C-alpha atoms as a PDB file:
ATOM      1  CA  MET A   1     -47.742   2.640  28.744  1.00  0.00           C
ATOM      2  CA  ALA A   2     -45.240   5.516  27.996  1.00  0.00           C
ATOM      3  CA  ALA A   3     -42.986   6.201  24.740  1.00  0.00           C
ATOM      4  CA  VAL A   4     -39.099   6.250  24.590  1.00  0.00           C
ATOM      5  CA  LYS A   5     -36.645   8.949  23.166  1.00  0.00           C
ATOM      6  CA  SER A   6     -33.085   8.493  23.006  1.00  0.00           C
ATOM      7  CA  LEU A   7     -29.994   9.960  23.452  1.00  0.00           C
ATOM      8  CA  GLN A   8     -30.037  11.033  19.949  1.00  0.00           C
ATOM      9  CA  PRO A   9     -33.233  12.814  18.917  1.00  0.00           C
ATOM     10  CA  ARG A  10     -35.431   9.424  18.903  1.00  0.00           C
ATOM     11  CA  LEU A  11     -38.581   8.497  21.117  1.00  0.00           C
ATOM     12  CA  ILE A  12     -40.090   5.292  22.242  1.00  0.00           C
ATOM     13  CA  SER A  13     -43.593   4.455  23.807  1.00  0.00           C
ATOM     14  CA  SER A  14     -43.064   3.437  27.339  1.00  0.00           C
ATOM     15  CA  PHE A  15     -44.301   0.033  26.159  1.00  0.00           C
ATOM     16  CA  LEU A  16     -42.181   0.479  22.846  1.00  0.00           C
ATOM     17  CA  GLY A  17     -38.810   1.867  22.799  1.00  0.00           C
ATOM     18  CA  ASN A  18     -35.563   3.616  21.464  1.00  0.00           C
ATOM     19  CA  ARG A  19     -32.433   2.206  20.673  1.00  0.00           C
ATOM     20  CA  SER A  20     -29.319   3.641  19.608  1.00  0.00           C
ATOM     21  CA  ILE A  21     -26.824   1.174  21.016  1.00  0.00           C
ATOM     22  CA  ARG A  22     -26.344  -2.426  20.669  1.00  0.00           C
ATOM     23  CA  SER A  23     -27.786  -5.675  22.015  1.00  0.00           C
ATOM     24  CA  THR A  24     -27.313  -9.424  20.993  1.00  0.00           C
ATOM     25  CA  GLN A  25     -30.973  -9.390  22.674  1.00  0.00           C
ATOM     26  CA  PRO A  26     -34.169  -8.316  20.317  1.00  0.00           C
ATOM     27  CA  LEU A  27     -36.317  -5.531  22.040  1.00  0.00           C
ATOM     28  CA  ILE A  28     -40.072  -6.585  20.348  1.00  0.00           C
ATOM     29  CA  HIS A  29     -41.550  -4.261  22.628  1.00  0.00           C
ATOM     30  CA  LEU A  30     -40.271  -1.242  22.165  1.00  0.00           C
ATOM     31  CA  PHE A  31     -41.237   1.591  19.285  1.00  0.00           C
ATOM     32  CA  ARG A  32     -39.013   4.301  17.820  1.00  0.00           C
ATOM     33  CA  PHE A  33     -40.507   7.779  16.801  1.00  0.00           C
ATOM     34  CA  GLU A  34     -37.868  10.227  15.202  1.00  0.00           C
ATOM     35  CA  LEU A  35     -38.176  13.781  15.572  1.00  0.00           C
ATOM     36  CA  GLY A  36     -39.124  14.964  12.547  1.00  0.00           C
ATOM     37  CA  GLY A  37     -42.023  12.507  11.755  1.00  0.00           C
ATOM     38  CA  ARG A  38     -39.818   9.024  10.779  1.00  0.00           C
ATOM     39  CA  ARG A  39     -40.781   6.270  13.001  1.00  0.00           C
ATOM     40  CA  HIS A  40     -40.133   2.816  12.828  1.00  0.00           C
ATOM     41  CA  VAL A  41     -40.592  -0.193  15.577  1.00  0.00           C
ATOM     42  CA  SER A  42     -37.279  -0.908  16.463  1.00  0.00           C
ATOM     43  CA  MET A  43     -36.108  -4.004  17.562  1.00  0.00           C
ATOM     44  CA  GLN A  44     -33.258  -4.161  19.555  1.00  0.00           C
ATOM     45  CA  LEU A  45     -31.867  -2.858  22.737  1.00  0.00           C
ATOM     46  CA  SER A  46     -29.151  -0.653  22.078  1.00  0.00           C
ATOM     47  CA  ARG A  47     -26.377  -1.394  24.859  1.00  0.00           C
ATOM     48  CA  THR A  48     -25.468   2.199  25.325  1.00  0.00           C
ATOM     49  CA  PHE A  49     -28.924   2.584  27.025  1.00  0.00           C
ATOM     50  CA  SER A  50     -28.303  -0.913  28.973  1.00  0.00           C
ATOM     51  CA  GLY A  51     -24.602  -1.348  28.409  1.00  0.00           C
ATOM     52  CA  LEU A  52     -24.227  -0.294  31.989  1.00  0.00           C
ATOM     53  CA  THR A  53     -26.186  -2.880  33.840  1.00  0.00           C
ATOM     54  CA  ASP A  54     -23.563  -4.853  34.665  1.00  0.00           C
ATOM     55  CA  LEU A  55     -21.502  -1.957  36.188  1.00  0.00           C
ATOM     56  CA  LEU A  56     -24.389  -0.599  38.125  1.00  0.00           C
ATOM     57  CA  PHE A  57     -26.485  -3.583  39.287  1.00  0.00           C
ATOM     58  CA  ASN A  58     -24.856  -7.396  38.173  1.00  0.00           C
ATOM     59  CA  ARG A  59     -21.728  -7.173  39.966  1.00  0.00           C
ATOM     60  CA  ARG A  60     -20.022  -5.069  42.505  1.00  0.00           C
ATOM     61  CA  ASN A  61     -23.127  -2.611  43.369  1.00  0.00           C
ATOM     62  CA  GLU A  62     -26.118  -5.223  43.806  1.00  0.00           C
ATOM     63  CA  ASP A  63     -25.986  -4.604  47.366  1.00  0.00           C
ATOM     64  CA  GLU A  64     -25.024  -0.934  47.649  1.00  0.00           C
ATOM     65  CA  VAL A  65     -27.100   1.133  50.009  1.00  0.00           C
ATOM     66  CA  ILE A  66     -28.664   4.292  48.686  1.00  0.00           C
ATOM     67  CA  ASP A  67     -28.802   7.280  50.296  1.00  0.00           C
ATOM     68  CA  GLY A  68     -27.901   5.319  53.417  1.00  0.00           C
ATOM     69  CA  LYS A  69     -31.560   3.418  53.460  1.00  0.00           C
ATOM     70  CA  ARG A  70     -32.543   1.176  50.967  1.00  0.00           C
ATOM     71  CA  LYS A  71     -30.527  -1.225  48.614  1.00  0.00           C
ATOM     72  CA  ARG A  72     -30.192  -1.094  44.996  1.00  0.00           C
ATOM     73  CA  LEU A  73     -33.377  -2.860  43.200  1.00  0.00           C
ATOM     74  CA  ARG A  74     -32.815  -6.380  42.486  1.00  0.00           C
ATOM     75  CA  PRO A  75     -34.859  -8.960  40.570  1.00  0.00           C
ATOM     76  CA  GLY A  76     -36.771 -11.412  41.903  1.00  0.00           C
ATOM     77  CA  ASN A  77     -38.225 -14.453  40.590  1.00  0.00           C
ATOM     78  CA  VAL A  78     -40.889 -13.804  38.172  1.00  0.00           C
ATOM     79  CA  SER A  79     -44.254 -16.997  38.444  1.00  0.00           C
ATOM     80  CA  PRO A  80     -45.520 -18.228  35.537  1.00  0.00           C
ATOM     81  CA  ARG A  81     -47.986 -16.534  33.036  1.00  0.00           C
ATOM     82  CA  ARG A  82     -51.319 -16.314  34.150  1.00  0.00           C
ATOM     83  CA  PRO A  83     -54.406 -18.106  32.161  1.00  0.00           C
ATOM     84  CA  VAL A  84     -57.018 -15.871  30.910  1.00  0.00           C
ATOM     85  CA  PRO A  85     -60.325 -17.361  29.975  1.00  0.00           C
ATOM     86  CA  ASP A  86     -61.148 -18.060  26.139  1.00  0.00           C
ATOM     87  CA  HIS A  87     -64.369 -15.816  26.282  1.00  0.00           C
ATOM     88  CA  ILE A  88     -62.154 -12.990  26.780  1.00  0.00           C
ATOM     89  CA  ILE A  89     -61.960 -10.823  23.791  1.00  0.00           C
ATOM     90  CA  LYS A  90     -57.959 -10.406  23.396  1.00  0.00           C
ATOM     91  CA  PRO A  91     -55.898  -7.919  21.673  1.00  0.00           C
ATOM     92  CA  PRO A  92     -54.807  -9.232  17.856  1.00  0.00           C
ATOM     93  CA  TYR A  93     -51.325  -8.616  19.248  1.00  0.00           C
ATOM     94  CA  VAL A  94     -51.308 -11.626  22.080  1.00  0.00           C
ATOM     95  CA  ASP A  95     -49.560 -14.586  21.571  1.00  0.00           C
ATOM     96  CA  SER A  96     -47.846 -13.172  18.404  1.00  0.00           C
ATOM     97  CA  LEU A  97     -44.510 -12.502  20.211  1.00  0.00           C
ATOM     98  CA  LYS A  98     -44.404  -9.398  18.232  1.00  0.00           C
ATOM     99  CA  ALA A  99     -45.590  -5.831  19.783  1.00  0.00           C
ATOM    100  CA  PRO A 100     -47.355  -4.193  17.016  1.00  0.00           C
ATOM    101  CA  GLY A 101     -45.028  -0.287  17.609  1.00  0.00           C
ATOM    102  CA  ILE A 102     -47.448   2.808  17.037  1.00  0.00           C
ATOM    103  CA  SER A 103     -50.132   3.083  14.438  1.00  0.00           C
ATOM    104  CA  SER A 104     -49.937   5.795  12.130  1.00  0.00           C
ATOM    105  CA  GLY A 105     -53.341   8.319  12.808  1.00  0.00           C
ATOM    106  CA  LEU A 106     -54.853  10.000  15.490  1.00  0.00           C
ATOM    107  CA  GLU A 107     -57.481   8.024  17.649  1.00  0.00           C
ATOM    108  CA  VAL A 108     -60.653  10.097  16.814  1.00  0.00           C
ATOM    109  CA  HIS A 109     -63.813   8.840  17.989  1.00  0.00           C
ATOM    110  CA  ASP A 110     -67.598   8.637  17.242  1.00  0.00           C
ATOM    111  CA  LYS A 111     -70.157   8.400  19.995  1.00  0.00           C
ATOM    112  CA  LYS A 112     -69.811   4.609  20.367  1.00  0.00           C
ATOM    113  CA  GLY A 113     -66.266   4.931  20.639  1.00  0.00           C
ATOM    114  CA  ILE A 114     -66.056   7.288  23.152  1.00  0.00           C
ATOM    115  CA  GLU A 115     -68.596   5.586  25.432  1.00  0.00           C
ATOM    116  CA  CYS A 116     -66.382   2.475  25.009  1.00  0.00           C
ATOM    117  CA  MET A 117     -63.106   4.593  25.834  1.00  0.00           C
ATOM    118  CA  ARG A 118     -64.867   5.706  28.923  1.00  0.00           C
ATOM    119  CA  ALA A 119     -66.045   2.035  29.964  1.00  0.00           C
ATOM    120  CA  SER A 120     -62.096   0.885  29.603  1.00  0.00           C
ATOM    121  CA  GLY A 121     -61.105   3.972  31.219  1.00  0.00           C
ATOM    122  CA  LYS A 122     -63.369   3.934  34.043  1.00  0.00           C
ATOM    123  CA  LEU A 123     -62.383   0.273  34.569  1.00  0.00           C
ATOM    124  CA  ALA A 124     -58.498   0.729  34.450  1.00  0.00           C
ATOM    125  CA  ALA A 125     -59.166   3.346  37.021  1.00  0.00           C
ATOM    126  CA  ARG A 126     -60.850   0.735  39.674  1.00  0.00           C
ATOM    127  CA  VAL A 127     -58.233  -1.250  39.000  1.00  0.00           C
ATOM    128  CA  ARG A 128     -55.765   1.152  39.424  1.00  0.00           C
ATOM    129  CA  GLU A 129     -56.729   2.326  42.894  1.00  0.00           C
ATOM    130  CA  TYR A 130     -57.583  -1.481  44.029  1.00  0.00           C
ATOM    131  CA  ALA A 131     -54.338  -2.029  43.626  1.00  0.00           C
ATOM    132  CA  GLY A 132     -53.082   0.809  45.387  1.00  0.00           C
ATOM    133  CA  THR A 133     -54.656  -0.545  48.098  1.00  0.00           C
ATOM    134  CA  LEU A 134     -52.641  -3.621  48.383  1.00  0.00           C
ATOM    135  CA  VAL A 135     -49.665  -1.585  48.823  1.00  0.00           C
ATOM    136  CA  LYS A 136     -47.897  -2.662  52.176  1.00  0.00           C
ATOM    137  CA  PRO A 137     -44.623  -3.707  53.451  1.00  0.00           C
ATOM    138  CA  GLY A 138     -44.136  -7.671  52.919  1.00  0.00           C
ATOM    139  CA  VAL A 139     -46.528  -7.736  49.955  1.00  0.00           C
ATOM    140  CA  THR A 140     -45.049  -8.617  47.061  1.00  0.00           C
ATOM    141  CA  THR A 141     -45.443  -7.414  43.325  1.00  0.00           C
ATOM    142  CA  ASP A 142     -46.431 -10.809  42.393  1.00  0.00           C
ATOM    143  CA  GLU A 143     -49.076 -11.417  44.620  1.00  0.00           C
ATOM    144  CA  ILE A 144     -50.713  -7.379  43.294  1.00  0.00           C
ATOM    145  CA  ASP A 145     -50.789  -8.698  39.758  1.00  0.00           C
ATOM    146  CA  GLU A 146     -52.676 -11.323  40.804  1.00  0.00           C
ATOM    147  CA  ALA A 147     -54.949  -9.349  42.478  1.00  0.00           C
ATOM    148  CA  VAL A 148     -55.219  -7.064  39.194  1.00  0.00           C
ATOM    149  CA  HIS A 149     -54.926 -10.108  36.916  1.00  0.00           C
ATOM    150  CA  ASN A 150     -58.185 -11.564  38.553  1.00  0.00           C
ATOM    151  CA  MET A 151     -59.762  -8.463  39.014  1.00  0.00           C
ATOM    152  CA  ILE A 152     -59.816  -7.175  35.037  1.00  0.00           C
ATOM    153  CA  ILE A 153     -60.604 -10.709  33.779  1.00  0.00           C
ATOM    154  CA  GLU A 154     -63.791 -10.793  36.597  1.00  0.00           C
ATOM    155  CA  ASN A 155     -64.966  -7.977  34.364  1.00  0.00           C
ATOM    156  CA  GLY A 156     -64.902  -9.251  31.319  1.00  0.00           C
ATOM    157  CA  ALA A 157     -61.719  -7.125  30.125  1.00  0.00           C
ATOM    158  CA  TYR A 158     -58.342  -8.608  29.240  1.00  0.00           C
ATOM    159  CA  PRO A 159     -54.797  -7.073  30.973  1.00  0.00           C
ATOM    160  CA  SER A 160     -53.550  -5.381  27.738  1.00  0.00           C
ATOM    161  CA  PRO A 161     -49.542  -5.791  28.632  1.00  0.00           C
ATOM    162  CA  LEU A 162     -50.204  -9.655  28.898  1.00  0.00           C
ATOM    163  CA  GLY A 163     -48.502 -10.613  25.959  1.00  0.00           C
ATOM    164  CA  TYR A 164     -47.458  -7.672  24.579  1.00  0.00           C
ATOM    165  CA  GLY A 165     -44.318  -8.861  22.877  1.00  0.00           C
ATOM    166  CA  ASP A 166     -43.032 -11.235  25.581  1.00  0.00           C
ATOM    167  CA  PHE A 167     -43.707  -9.390  28.708  1.00  0.00           C
ATOM    168  CA  PRO A 168     -45.013 -11.922  30.827  1.00  0.00           C
ATOM    169  CA  LYS A 169     -47.303 -10.275  33.332  1.00  0.00           C
ATOM    170  CA  SER A 170     -50.604  -8.397  33.674  1.00  0.00           C
ATOM    171  CA  VAL A 171     -49.665  -5.212  35.075  1.00  0.00           C
ATOM    172  CA  CYS A 172     -46.048  -2.987  35.680  1.00  0.00           C
ATOM    173  CA  THR A 173     -44.908  -2.326  38.917  1.00  0.00           C
ATOM    174  CA  SER A 174     -42.064   0.044  39.165  1.00  0.00           C
ATOM    175  CA  VAL A 175     -40.448   0.045  42.463  1.00  0.00           C
ATOM    176  CA  ASN A 176     -38.290   3.114  43.781  1.00  0.00           C
ATOM    177  CA  GLU A 177     -35.544   3.836  40.885  1.00  0.00           C
ATOM    178  CA  CYS A 178     -37.513   1.781  38.363  1.00  0.00           C
ATOM    179  CA  ILE A 179     -38.592   4.237  35.732  1.00  0.00           C
ATOM    180  CA  CYS A 180     -41.288   2.057  33.807  1.00  0.00           C
ATOM    181  CA  HIS A 181     -42.146  -1.625  32.730  1.00  0.00           C
ATOM    182  CA  GLY A 182     -41.084  -3.462  36.203  1.00  0.00           C
ATOM    183  CA  ILE A 183     -42.182  -6.870  35.958  1.00  0.00           C
ATOM    184  CA  PRO A 184     -44.183  -8.412  39.099  1.00  0.00           C
ATOM    185  CA  ASP A 185     -42.179 -10.746  40.839  1.00  0.00           C
ATOM    186  CA  SER A 186     -41.307 -12.486  44.716  1.00  0.00           C
ATOM    187  CA  ARG A 187     -39.612  -9.403  45.867  1.00  0.00           C
ATOM    188  CA  PRO A 188     -41.506  -8.143  48.839  1.00  0.00           C
ATOM    189  CA  LEU A 189     -42.293  -4.430  48.981  1.00  0.00           C
ATOM    190  CA  GLU A 190     -40.612  -2.457  51.978  1.00  0.00           C
ATOM    191  CA  ASP A 191     -41.469   0.488  54.320  1.00  0.00           C
ATOM    192  CA  GLY A 192     -40.761   3.342  52.646  1.00  0.00           C
ATOM    193  CA  ASP A 193     -40.656   2.230  48.817  1.00  0.00           C
ATOM    194  CA  ILE A 194     -42.421   4.057  46.351  1.00  0.00           C
ATOM    195  CA  ILE A 195     -44.080   2.231  43.373  1.00  0.00           C
ATOM    196  CA  ASN A 196     -45.883   2.816  40.578  1.00  0.00           C
ATOM    197  CA  ILE A 197     -48.622   0.628  39.021  1.00  0.00           C
ATOM    198  CA  ASP A 198     -49.500   1.058  35.342  1.00  0.00           C
ATOM    199  CA  VAL A 199     -52.694  -0.629  34.686  1.00  0.00           C
ATOM    200  CA  THR A 200     -54.315  -1.241  31.045  1.00  0.00           C
ATOM    201  CA  VAL A 201     -57.547  -2.836  30.135  1.00  0.00           C
ATOM    202  CA  TYR A 202     -58.766  -3.752  26.780  1.00  0.00           C
ATOM    203  CA  LEU A 203     -62.544  -3.784  27.410  1.00  0.00           C
ATOM    204  CA  ASN A 204     -64.943  -4.401  24.243  1.00  0.00           C
ATOM    205  CA  GLY A 205     -62.298  -3.770  21.916  1.00  0.00           C
ATOM    206  CA  TYR A 206     -60.829  -0.579  23.611  1.00  0.00           C
ATOM    207  CA  HIS A 207     -57.447  -0.097  25.773  1.00  0.00           C
ATOM    208  CA  GLY A 208     -57.969   2.115  28.919  1.00  0.00           C
ATOM    209  CA  ASP A 209     -54.542   3.387  30.475  1.00  0.00           C
ATOM    210  CA  THR A 210     -53.555   4.836  33.732  1.00  0.00           C
ATOM    211  CA  SER A 211     -51.052   4.885  36.399  1.00  0.00           C
ATOM    212  CA  ALA A 212     -49.997   6.420  39.604  1.00  0.00           C
ATOM    213  CA  THR A 213     -47.172   5.984  42.120  1.00  0.00           C
ATOM    214  CA  PHE A 214     -48.374   4.728  45.800  1.00  0.00           C
ATOM    215  CA  PHE A 215     -46.553   5.106  49.517  1.00  0.00           C
ATOM    216  CA  CYS A 216     -45.369   2.126  50.678  1.00  0.00           C
ATOM    217  CA  GLY A 217     -45.413   2.349  54.677  1.00  0.00           C
ATOM    218  CA  ASN A 218     -43.479   5.538  56.366  1.00  0.00           C
ATOM    219  CA  VAL A 219     -42.416   6.994  53.206  1.00  0.00           C
ATOM    220  CA  ASP A 220     -39.506  10.195  53.730  1.00  0.00           C
ATOM    221  CA  ASP A 221     -40.438  13.533  52.570  1.00  0.00           C
ATOM    222  CA  LYS A 222     -37.910  13.385  49.987  1.00  0.00           C
ATOM    223  CA  ALA A 223     -39.626  11.044  48.029  1.00  0.00           C
ATOM    224  CA  LYS A 224     -43.309  12.039  48.952  1.00  0.00           C
ATOM    225  CA  LYS A 225     -42.444  15.510  47.580  1.00  0.00           C
ATOM    226  CA  LEU A 226     -41.080  13.841  44.249  1.00  0.00           C
ATOM    227  CA  VAL A 227     -44.550  11.794  43.833  1.00  0.00           C
ATOM    228  CA  GLU A 228     -46.496  14.857  44.646  1.00  0.00           C
ATOM    229  CA  VAL A 229     -44.484  16.907  42.166  1.00  0.00           C
ATOM    230  CA  THR A 230     -44.897  14.196  39.530  1.00  0.00           C
ATOM    231  CA  LYS A 231     -49.046  14.252  40.191  1.00  0.00           C
ATOM    232  CA  GLU A 232     -49.029  17.706  39.927  1.00  0.00           C
ATOM    233  CA  SER A 233     -46.834  18.009  36.476  1.00  0.00           C
ATOM    234  CA  LEU A 234     -49.731  15.539  35.184  1.00  0.00           C
ATOM    235  CA  ASP A 235     -52.503  17.747  36.442  1.00  0.00           C
ATOM    236  CA  ARG A 236     -51.082  20.829  35.049  1.00  0.00           C
ATOM    237  CA  ALA A 237     -50.388  19.309  31.740  1.00  0.00           C
ATOM    238  CA  ILE A 238     -53.784  18.057  31.161  1.00  0.00           C
ATOM    239  CA  SER A 239     -55.593  21.672  32.516  1.00  0.00           C
ATOM    240  CA  ILE A 240     -53.964  23.153  29.187  1.00  0.00           C
ATOM    241  CA  CYS A 241     -55.580  20.423  26.753  1.00  0.00           C
ATOM    242  CA  GLY A 242     -58.193  21.228  24.170  1.00  0.00           C
ATOM    243  CA  PRO A 243     -58.982  21.425  20.367  1.00  0.00           C
ATOM    244  CA  GLY A 244     -56.605  23.110  18.690  1.00  0.00           C
ATOM    245  CA  VAL A 245     -53.310  23.234  21.356  1.00  0.00           C
ATOM    246  CA  GLU A 246     -49.958  22.365  20.469  1.00  0.00           C
ATOM    247  CA  TYR A 247     -48.686  18.932  21.970  1.00  0.00           C
ATOM    248  CA  LYS A 248     -45.251  20.532  22.722  1.00  0.00           C
ATOM    249  CA  LYS A 249     -47.251  23.179  25.441  1.00  0.00           C
ATOM    250  CA  ILE A 250     -47.539  19.788  27.487  1.00  0.00           C
ATOM    251  CA  GLY A 251     -44.087  19.355  27.572  1.00  0.00           C
ATOM    252  CA  LYS A 252     -43.143  22.532  28.363  1.00  0.00           C
ATOM    253  CA  ILE A 253     -45.732  22.906  31.668  1.00  0.00           C
ATOM    254  CA  ILE A 254     -44.124  19.386  32.614  1.00  0.00           C
ATOM    255  CA  HIS A 255     -40.500  20.713  32.571  1.00  0.00           C
ATOM    256  CA  ASP A 256     -41.127  24.207  33.545  1.00  0.00           C
ATOM    257  CA  LEU A 257     -42.485  22.271  36.899  1.00  0.00           C
ATOM    258  CA  ALA A 258     -39.667  19.949  37.085  1.00  0.00           C
ATOM    259  CA  ASP A 259     -37.150  22.911  36.508  1.00  0.00           C
ATOM    260  CA  LYS A 260     -38.755  24.489  39.979  1.00  0.00           C
ATOM    261  CA  HIS A 261     -37.958  21.877  41.959  1.00  0.00           C
ATOM    262  CA  LYS A 262     -34.771  20.595  40.399  1.00  0.00           C
ATOM    263  CA  TYR A 263     -36.023  17.183  39.203  1.00  0.00           C
ATOM    264  CA  GLY A 264     -34.997  15.721  35.912  1.00  0.00           C
ATOM    265  CA  VAL A 265     -37.694  14.951  33.167  1.00  0.00           C
ATOM    266  CA  VAL A 266     -36.995  11.623  31.538  1.00  0.00           C
ATOM    267  CA  ARG A 267     -36.702  11.827  27.752  1.00  0.00           C
ATOM    268  CA  HIS A 268     -36.695   8.266  27.003  1.00  0.00           C
ATOM    269  CA  PHE A 269     -40.663   7.394  27.115  1.00  0.00           C
ATOM    270  CA  VAL A 270     -43.275   9.338  25.986  1.00  0.00           C
ATOM    271  CA  GLY A 271     -47.588   9.408  25.817  1.00  0.00           C
ATOM    272  CA  HIS A 272     -49.120   8.469  23.076  1.00  0.00           C
ATOM    273  CA  GLY A 273     -52.435   7.850  21.310  1.00  0.00           C
ATOM    274  CA  VAL A 274     -54.635   5.272  22.805  1.00  0.00           C
ATOM    275  CA  GLY A 275     -58.527   3.708  22.005  1.00  0.00           C
ATOM    276  CA  SER A 276     -58.305   0.510  19.327  1.00  0.00           C
ATOM    277  CA  VAL A 277     -54.972   0.242  19.503  1.00  0.00           C
ATOM    278  CA  PHE A 278     -53.040   0.282  22.478  1.00  0.00           C
ATOM    279  CA  HIS A 279     -50.480   2.849  20.994  1.00  0.00           C
ATOM    280  CA  ALA A 280     -51.077   5.088  18.416  1.00  0.00           C
ATOM    281  CA  ASP A 281     -50.342   8.418  17.086  1.00  0.00           C
ATOM    282  CA  PRO A 282     -49.799  11.227  18.652  1.00  0.00           C
ATOM    283  CA  VAL A 283     -46.795  10.890  20.208  1.00  0.00           C
ATOM    284  CA  VAL A 284     -46.152  13.035  23.607  1.00  0.00           C
ATOM    285  CA  LEU A 285     -43.274  14.678  24.734  1.00  0.00           C
ATOM    286  CA  HIS A 286     -43.290  15.087  28.520  1.00  0.00           C
ATOM    287  CA  PHE A 287     -40.057  17.740  28.166  1.00  0.00           C
ATOM    288  CA  ARG A 288     -39.370  20.935  25.935  1.00  0.00           C
ATOM    289  CA  ASN A 289     -39.478  20.367  22.749  1.00  0.00           C
ATOM    290  CA  ASN A 290     -40.490  21.982  18.986  1.00  0.00           C
ATOM    291  CA  GLU A 291     -42.653  19.021  17.571  1.00  0.00           C
ATOM    292  CA  THR A 292     -45.296  19.936  15.543  1.00  0.00           C
ATOM    293  CA  GLY A 293     -48.850  18.714  16.013  1.00  0.00           C
ATOM    294  CA  ARG A 294     -52.262  20.299  17.586  1.00  0.00           C
ATOM    295  CA  MET A 295     -54.718  18.366  19.438  1.00  0.00           C
ATOM    296  CA  VAL A 296     -58.432  17.694  17.901  1.00  0.00           C
ATOM    297  CA  LEU A 297     -61.767  17.131  18.898  1.00  0.00           C
ATOM    298  CA  ASN A 298     -62.862  13.334  20.203  1.00  0.00           C
ATOM    299  CA  GLN A 299     -58.949  12.186  20.081  1.00  0.00           C
ATOM    300  CA  THR A 300     -57.721  10.491  22.962  1.00  0.00           C
ATOM    301  CA  PHE A 301     -54.068   9.842  24.493  1.00  0.00           C
ATOM    302  CA  THR A 302     -52.215   9.562  27.457  1.00  0.00           C
ATOM    303  CA  ILE A 303     -49.444  11.723  29.114  1.00  0.00           C
ATOM    304  CA  GLU A 304     -47.620   9.897  31.411  1.00  0.00           C
ATOM    305  CA  PRO A 305     -44.665  12.480  32.633  1.00  0.00           C
ATOM    306  CA  MET A 306     -42.019  10.330  34.949  1.00  0.00           C
ATOM    307  CA  LEU A 307     -39.722  12.761  37.025  1.00  0.00           C
ATOM    308  CA  THR A 308     -36.278  11.850  39.079  1.00  0.00           C
ATOM    309  CA  ILE A 309     -34.785  13.534  41.861  1.00  0.00           C
ATOM    310  CA  GLY A 310     -30.872  12.540  40.156  1.00  0.00           C
ATOM    311  CA  SER A 311     -30.709  11.310  36.590  1.00  0.00           C
ATOM    312  CA  ARG A 312     -33.222  11.165  33.985  1.00  0.00           C
ATOM    313  CA  ASN A 313     -30.607   8.756  31.904  1.00  0.00           C
ATOM    314  CA  PRO A 314     -32.106   5.073  31.992  1.00  0.00           C
ATOM    315  CA  VAL A 315     -30.694   1.635  32.273  1.00  0.00           C
ATOM    316  CA  MET A 316     -32.336  -1.247  31.225  1.00  0.00           C
ATOM    317  CA  TRP A 317     -31.748  -4.559  32.877  1.00  0.00           C
ATOM    318  CA  ASP A 318     -31.214  -8.042  31.211  1.00  0.00           C
ATOM    319  CA  ASP A 319     -34.828  -8.790  31.101  1.00  0.00           C
ATOM    320  CA  ASN A 320     -35.330  -6.354  28.460  1.00  0.00           C
ATOM    321  CA  TRP A 321     -38.253  -4.533  29.915  1.00  0.00           C
ATOM    322  CA  THR A 322     -37.425  -3.135  33.694  1.00  0.00           C
ATOM    323  CA  VAL A 323     -35.877   0.353  33.144  1.00  0.00           C
ATOM    324  CA  VAL A 324     -33.989   1.833  36.120  1.00  0.00           C
ATOM    325  CA  THR A 325     -31.913   5.142  37.031  1.00  0.00           C
ATOM    326  CA  GLU A 326     -28.392   5.228  36.050  1.00  0.00           C
ATOM    327  CA  ASP A 327     -28.205   6.256  39.381  1.00  0.00           C
ATOM    328  CA  ALA A 328     -30.560   4.277  41.397  1.00  0.00           C
ATOM    329  CA  SER A 329     -32.232   7.629  42.221  1.00  0.00           C
ATOM    330  CA  LEU A 330     -35.889   7.602  42.667  1.00  0.00           C
ATOM    331  CA  SER A 331     -38.368   8.197  39.716  1.00  0.00           C
ATOM    332  CA  ALA A 332     -42.168   8.576  39.892  1.00  0.00           C
ATOM    333  CA  GLN A 333     -44.948   8.648  37.554  1.00  0.00           C
ATOM    334  CA  PHE A 334     -48.589   9.738  36.902  1.00  0.00           C
ATOM    335  CA  GLU A 335     -50.701   8.700  33.820  1.00  0.00           C
ATOM    336  CA  HIS A 336     -54.041   9.568  32.678  1.00  0.00           C
ATOM    337  CA  THR A 337     -55.864   8.823  29.446  1.00  0.00           C
ATOM    338  CA  ILE A 338     -57.904  12.063  28.100  1.00  0.00           C
ATOM    339  CA  LEU A 339     -60.403  12.865  25.623  1.00  0.00           C
ATOM    340  CA  ILE A 340     -60.019  15.967  23.757  1.00  0.00           C
ATOM    341  CA  THR A 341     -63.707  17.622  24.312  1.00  0.00           C
ATOM    342  CA  LYS A 342     -65.085  21.058  22.995  1.00  0.00           C
ATOM    343  CA  ASP A 343     -64.579  22.218  26.495  1.00  0.00           C
ATOM    344  CA  GLY A 344     -61.045  21.026  27.211  1.00  0.00           C
ATOM    345  CA  ALA A 345     -60.252  17.424  28.092  1.00  0.00           C
ATOM    346  CA  GLU A 346     -61.859  15.222  29.662  1.00  0.00           C
ATOM    347  CA  ILE A 347     -59.951  12.396  32.133  1.00  0.00           C
ATOM    348  CA  LEU A 348     -61.328   8.990  31.217  1.00  0.00           C
ATOM    349  CA  THR A 349     -59.114   7.328  34.360  1.00  0.00           C
ATOM    350  CA  ASN A 350     -60.535   8.548  36.849  1.00  0.00           C
ATOM    351  CA  CYS A 351     -63.145   6.595  39.363  1.00  0.00           C
END
């Protein structure tokens, strides 16, 4: 999952967060990274980040039609948390109600660790692709969550988002203007929707993290182009990775492509190290930056760009998870976990 950067020079993981605004409710699932190397777990959501919710969502605009076609996204009912059998090994954070934040230090693996990462990445990719086959008009995101949950535990793994902080589901489903961390619920998918499905599995003590944006029914050319360019931005970023490469080159290549197509690059959420812990160093920025740091042989991390047709600024719902564009413009995302090899980068989350 991604990390976030605030309106000020601060970053947060996609499953962690940045807060420069005030909230009366805790945001235990986000971490903040500060440019210059300082970091801490952010426990409160700033209202500068989410204070527009009432204006943009809860009140007069709840039935607003966007682009003359679709209504602004609204939350449905969330079903109870699904059980996990006792024999499934769970990450240490489960049931603590505390998100662990970002772990200092790179995830650099020995031979055994690399094989475990390949196994968790392969399973995550299989689950992601299976979930994509379920995307049809009339299917609810809760039904997708149920199918993902069952497939993960049937393969002896744990769905990493479940119980991360207070996240109540096994997968993130982000529809249309939802940038990330959408909670699966009772809303049926509609013809023309786009949906990002973000899957992370915990298998044999290692996390595999991936996402893709899928088309639901007949999607218009504007949405298709956004999705295609977002996927291309990820592919281009991976292509330049290798030992000794500066992390900041990832942000430049993504931002350059987005600019070419006049898309926004979401800055509040970033990629991250992943392995035996869900979120670790490095923090991977998807926009132009001057941060220091170079890739290391045998490390693993995610790249997960989020591009928008309109505003790149996020608004968080009252559930303290769901993040949408402030103008309800479409957002798309793709994510892979990669391993740095002597020849470049190996995508661990390919089928």
